Every structure is written in structure tokens, then in C-alpha cells.
């Protein structure tokens, strides 16, 4: 499993991608993609779980990728978030 911790920092008036964009990106890959929040994991491919998983996020986002194409998925999410994610 590939686990990446990111610092969320928005500059200017930029908006983070909507939940639908996160789900669409996640569904391009066969690997499991989760947001880790404390001891809980939220499936990025599931709308309700994704919405609950993003609620506790303040400055740090922990994304977990588990599967054969996890590195490609992680790169896609870096590109999707653009200037919002910085490796913490």
C-alpha cells in the first residue's frame, strides 16, 4: 500500500476539485483509494464515504493507494489537486 501525506495549501482564489472529479479520477484505476482520518478510512470511490472523509480534513490529507496501479493513481491525484497538495 502506498500512503502519501499531503499539506493542503490554497493560494489565491483557486478552488479544490469537486467530489465528483475525485470520484471520476478514482474510478479510472483498479486500486483501492482511501482517505485516512485518524483510525478511519474512507473509500474515495464511494460518494457518502468520500464526503464524510473530507469533513475532518483541515490542513493535512492522507491518501492511501492499494493495488497494482497505485503509483499511476497517486500521480493522477497529484495532478488533479494541482497547487493544493504539497508533500508533507
N, C-alpha and C. Protein backbone atom coordinates (compact mmCIF):
# COMPACT_ATOMS: atom_id res chain seq x y z
N UNK A 1 0.85 -1.18 0.00
CA UNK A 1 0.00 0.00 0.00
C UNK A 1 0.89 1.24 0.00
N UNK A 2 0.55 2.18 -0.84
CA UNK A 2 1.25 3.45 -0.95
C UNK A 2 0.46 4.48 -0.16
N UNK A 3 1.10 5.10 0.81
CA UNK A 3 0.43 6.12 1.62
C UNK A 3 1.17 7.43 1.47
N UNK A 4 0.43 8.46 1.10
CA UNK A 4 1.01 9.79 0.92
C UNK A 4 0.32 10.79 1.82
N UNK A 5 1.10 11.58 2.52
CA UNK A 5 0.56 12.63 3.38
C UNK A 5 0.82 13.96 2.69
N UNK A 6 -0.22 14.73 2.52
CA UNK A 6 -0.12 16.00 1.81
C UNK A 6 -0.55 17.15 2.70
N UNK A 7 0.11 18.26 2.49
CA UNK A 7 -0.26 19.51 3.12
C UNK A 7 -1.17 20.24 2.14
N UNK A 8 -2.34 20.62 2.58
CA UNK A 8 -3.28 21.34 1.72
C UNK A 8 -3.04 22.82 1.91
N UNK A 9 -2.68 23.50 0.84
CA UNK A 9 -2.49 24.93 0.94
C UNK A 9 -2.96 25.58 -0.34
N UNK A 10 -4.03 26.33 -0.25
CA UNK A 10 -4.58 27.01 -1.42
C UNK A 10 -3.97 28.39 -1.53
N UNK A 11 -3.67 28.77 -2.74
CA UNK A 11 -3.15 30.11 -2.95
C UNK A 11 -4.13 30.86 -3.86
N UNK A 12 -4.39 32.11 -3.56
CA UNK A 12 -5.29 32.90 -4.36
C UNK A 12 -6.73 32.44 -4.24
N UNK A 13 -7.46 32.54 -5.34
CA UNK A 13 -8.88 32.18 -5.34
C UNK A 13 -9.13 30.79 -5.90
N UNK A 14 -8.09 29.97 -6.00
CA UNK A 14 -8.24 28.63 -6.56
C UNK A 14 -9.15 27.78 -5.69
N UNK A 15 -9.91 26.92 -6.34
CA UNK A 15 -10.83 26.02 -5.64
C UNK A 15 -10.33 24.58 -5.79
N UNK A 16 -10.43 23.78 -4.73
CA UNK A 16 -10.06 22.37 -4.86
C UNK A 16 -11.06 21.67 -5.77
N UNK A 17 -10.69 20.53 -6.33
CA UNK A 17 -11.60 19.83 -7.23
C UNK A 17 -12.86 19.36 -6.49
N UNK A 18 -14.00 19.32 -7.19
CA UNK A 18 -15.23 18.85 -6.56
C UNK A 18 -15.18 17.34 -6.29
N UNK A 19 -16.04 16.88 -5.40
CA UNK A 19 -16.10 15.46 -5.05
C UNK A 19 -16.29 14.60 -6.30
N UNK A 20 -17.13 15.05 -7.23
CA UNK A 20 -17.39 14.26 -8.43
C UNK A 20 -16.10 14.05 -9.24
N UNK A 21 -15.23 15.05 -9.29
CA UNK A 21 -13.96 14.91 -10.01
C UNK A 21 -13.04 13.91 -9.30
N UNK A 22 -13.05 13.91 -7.97
CA UNK A 22 -12.25 12.94 -7.21
C UNK A 22 -12.73 11.52 -7.49
N UNK A 23 -14.06 11.35 -7.47
CA UNK A 23 -14.62 10.02 -7.71
C UNK A 23 -14.33 9.55 -9.13
N UNK A 24 -14.48 10.43 -10.11
CA UNK A 24 -14.21 10.05 -11.50
C UNK A 24 -12.76 9.65 -11.67
N UNK A 25 -11.85 10.40 -11.07
CA UNK A 25 -10.43 10.06 -11.16
C UNK A 25 -10.15 8.72 -10.48
N UNK A 26 -10.74 8.50 -9.32
CA UNK A 26 -10.52 7.25 -8.59
C UNK A 26 -11.03 6.05 -9.39
N UNK A 27 -12.15 6.23 -10.08
CA UNK A 27 -12.74 5.12 -10.82
C UNK A 27 -11.99 4.78 -12.10
N UNK A 28 -10.98 5.55 -12.45
CA UNK A 28 -10.14 5.22 -13.60
C UNK A 28 -9.14 4.12 -13.26
N UNK A 29 -8.98 3.84 -11.97
CA UNK A 29 -7.96 2.89 -11.51
C UNK A 29 -8.58 1.70 -10.80
N UNK A 30 -7.92 0.59 -10.91
CA UNK A 30 -8.39 -0.62 -10.25
C UNK A 30 -8.00 -0.69 -8.78
N UNK A 31 -6.99 0.07 -8.38
CA UNK A 31 -6.54 0.01 -6.99
C UNK A 31 -7.56 0.65 -6.06
N UNK A 32 -7.48 0.29 -4.79
CA UNK A 32 -8.33 0.91 -3.78
C UNK A 32 -7.70 2.26 -3.42
N UNK A 33 -8.54 3.29 -3.28
CA UNK A 33 -8.05 4.62 -2.93
C UNK A 33 -8.86 5.09 -1.73
N UNK A 34 -8.15 5.42 -0.66
CA UNK A 34 -8.79 5.80 0.60
C UNK A 34 -8.25 7.12 1.11
N UNK A 35 -9.06 7.80 1.91
CA UNK A 35 -8.60 8.93 2.71
C UNK A 35 -8.52 8.40 4.13
N UNK A 36 -7.38 8.58 4.76
CA UNK A 36 -7.21 8.16 6.15
C UNK A 36 -7.46 9.36 7.05
N UNK A 37 -8.34 9.18 8.03
CA UNK A 37 -8.63 10.24 9.01
C UNK A 37 -8.64 9.57 10.38
N UNK A 38 -7.55 9.74 11.11
CA UNK A 38 -7.44 9.06 12.40
C UNK A 38 -7.36 7.57 12.16
N UNK A 39 -8.22 6.81 12.82
CA UNK A 39 -8.23 5.36 12.66
C UNK A 39 -9.25 4.92 11.62
N UNK A 40 -9.88 5.87 10.92
CA UNK A 40 -10.90 5.55 9.92
C UNK A 40 -10.35 5.72 8.51
N UNK A 41 -10.87 4.92 7.61
CA UNK A 41 -10.54 5.02 6.19
C UNK A 41 -11.82 5.23 5.41
N UNK A 42 -11.79 6.14 4.43
CA UNK A 42 -12.97 6.47 3.64
C UNK A 42 -12.67 6.22 2.17
N UNK A 43 -13.49 5.40 1.53
CA UNK A 43 -13.31 5.00 0.13
C UNK A 43 -13.62 6.18 -0.78
N UNK A 44 -12.65 6.58 -1.59
CA UNK A 44 -12.81 7.72 -2.49
C UNK A 44 -13.76 7.39 -3.64
N UNK A 45 -14.01 6.10 -3.88
CA UNK A 45 -14.93 5.70 -4.95
C UNK A 45 -16.39 5.67 -4.49
N UNK A 46 -16.62 5.93 -3.22
CA UNK A 46 -17.97 5.91 -2.64
C UNK A 46 -18.33 7.33 -2.22
N UNK A 47 -19.38 7.90 -2.81
CA UNK A 47 -19.73 9.30 -2.58
C UNK A 47 -19.94 9.60 -1.10
N UNK A 48 -20.76 8.80 -0.41
CA UNK A 48 -21.05 9.08 1.00
C UNK A 48 -19.79 8.99 1.86
N UNK A 49 -18.99 7.98 1.63
CA UNK A 49 -17.75 7.84 2.41
C UNK A 49 -16.79 8.99 2.10
N UNK A 50 -16.69 9.36 0.83
CA UNK A 50 -15.79 10.44 0.45
C UNK A 50 -16.21 11.74 1.12
N UNK A 51 -17.48 12.02 1.13
CA UNK A 51 -17.97 13.24 1.76
C UNK A 51 -17.66 13.25 3.26
N UNK A 52 -17.88 12.11 3.92
CA UNK A 52 -17.55 12.01 5.36
C UNK A 52 -16.05 12.12 5.59
N UNK A 53 -15.25 11.55 4.68
CA UNK A 53 -13.81 11.55 4.84
C UNK A 53 -13.20 12.92 4.67
N UNK A 54 -13.81 13.76 3.86
CA UNK A 54 -13.26 15.09 3.64
C UNK A 54 -13.64 16.06 4.76
N UNK A 55 -14.67 15.77 5.51
CA UNK A 55 -15.12 16.66 6.58
C UNK A 55 -14.05 16.92 7.64
N UNK A 56 -13.37 15.88 8.16
CA UNK A 56 -12.39 16.14 9.22
C UNK A 56 -11.07 16.73 8.74
N UNK A 57 -10.87 16.81 7.42
CA UNK A 57 -9.61 17.30 6.88
C UNK A 57 -9.49 18.80 7.12
N UNK A 58 -8.38 19.20 7.67
CA UNK A 58 -8.11 20.62 7.90
C UNK A 58 -6.91 21.03 7.04
N UNK A 59 -5.71 20.70 7.49
CA UNK A 59 -4.51 21.07 6.75
C UNK A 59 -3.84 19.88 6.07
N UNK A 60 -4.04 18.69 6.62
CA UNK A 60 -3.36 17.53 6.06
C UNK A 60 -4.36 16.55 5.48
N UNK A 61 -3.99 15.96 4.38
CA UNK A 61 -4.80 14.94 3.73
C UNK A 61 -3.92 13.72 3.56
N UNK A 62 -4.38 12.58 4.06
CA UNK A 62 -3.63 11.34 3.90
C UNK A 62 -4.38 10.49 2.90
N UNK A 63 -3.77 10.29 1.74
CA UNK A 63 -4.35 9.46 0.69
C UNK A 63 -3.62 8.13 0.67
N UNK A 64 -4.38 7.05 0.60
CA UNK A 64 -3.81 5.71 0.56
C UNK A 64 -4.23 5.04 -0.75
N UNK A 65 -3.27 4.46 -1.42
CA UNK A 65 -3.50 3.77 -2.68
C UNK A 65 -3.04 2.33 -2.49
N UNK A 66 -3.88 1.36 -2.84
CA UNK A 66 -3.54 -0.04 -2.61
C UNK A 66 -3.94 -0.87 -3.82
N UNK A 67 -2.95 -1.27 -4.60
CA UNK A 67 -3.23 -2.11 -5.76
C UNK A 67 -2.13 -1.99 -6.80
N UNK A 68 -2.32 -2.69 -7.90
CA UNK A 68 -1.29 -2.78 -8.93
C UNK A 68 -0.99 -1.43 -9.58
N UNK A 69 -1.98 -0.57 -9.72
CA UNK A 69 -1.76 0.71 -10.40
C UNK A 69 -1.74 1.89 -9.42
N UNK A 70 -1.30 1.64 -8.19
CA UNK A 70 -1.32 2.67 -7.15
C UNK A 70 -0.43 3.87 -7.48
N UNK A 71 0.72 3.63 -8.11
CA UNK A 71 1.62 4.75 -8.42
C UNK A 71 1.01 5.66 -9.49
N UNK A 72 0.36 5.09 -10.48
CA UNK A 72 -0.30 5.89 -11.51
C UNK A 72 -1.47 6.67 -10.92
N UNK A 73 -2.20 6.04 -10.01
CA UNK A 73 -3.32 6.72 -9.35
C UNK A 73 -2.82 7.89 -8.50
N UNK A 74 -1.74 7.68 -7.78
CA UNK A 74 -1.20 8.75 -6.93
C UNK A 74 -0.75 9.94 -7.79
N UNK A 75 -0.15 9.67 -8.93
CA UNK A 75 0.27 10.73 -9.84
C UNK A 75 -0.95 11.48 -10.38
N UNK A 76 -2.01 10.77 -10.71
CA UNK A 76 -3.24 11.41 -11.20
C UNK A 76 -3.83 12.34 -10.15
N UNK A 77 -3.82 11.92 -8.89
CA UNK A 77 -4.37 12.76 -7.83
C UNK A 77 -3.50 13.98 -7.57
N UNK A 78 -2.19 13.84 -7.71
CA UNK A 78 -1.32 15.00 -7.59
C UNK A 78 -1.68 16.02 -8.66
N UNK A 79 -1.89 15.56 -9.88
CA UNK A 79 -2.24 16.45 -10.99
C UNK A 79 -3.64 17.04 -10.80
N UNK A 80 -4.55 16.26 -10.28
CA UNK A 80 -5.91 16.72 -10.09
C UNK A 80 -5.99 17.86 -9.08
N UNK A 81 -5.22 17.75 -8.01
CA UNK A 81 -5.22 18.77 -6.98
C UNK A 81 -4.35 19.98 -7.34
N UNK A 82 -3.49 19.82 -8.32
CA UNK A 82 -2.66 20.94 -8.78
C UNK A 82 -1.86 21.55 -7.65
N UNK A 83 -2.03 22.83 -7.41
CA UNK A 83 -1.24 23.55 -6.41
C UNK A 83 -1.71 23.40 -4.99
N UNK A 84 -2.73 22.57 -4.75
CA UNK A 84 -3.25 22.40 -3.41
C UNK A 84 -2.44 21.42 -2.58
N UNK A 85 -1.83 20.44 -3.23
CA UNK A 85 -1.14 19.40 -2.48
C UNK A 85 0.36 19.61 -2.52
N UNK A 86 0.95 19.55 -1.36
CA UNK A 86 2.40 19.58 -1.22
C UNK A 86 2.77 18.44 -0.30
N UNK A 87 3.76 17.66 -0.67
CA UNK A 87 4.15 16.54 0.18
C UNK A 87 4.56 17.05 1.54
N UNK A 88 3.96 16.47 2.59
CA UNK A 88 4.24 16.91 3.96
C UNK A 88 5.31 16.03 4.57
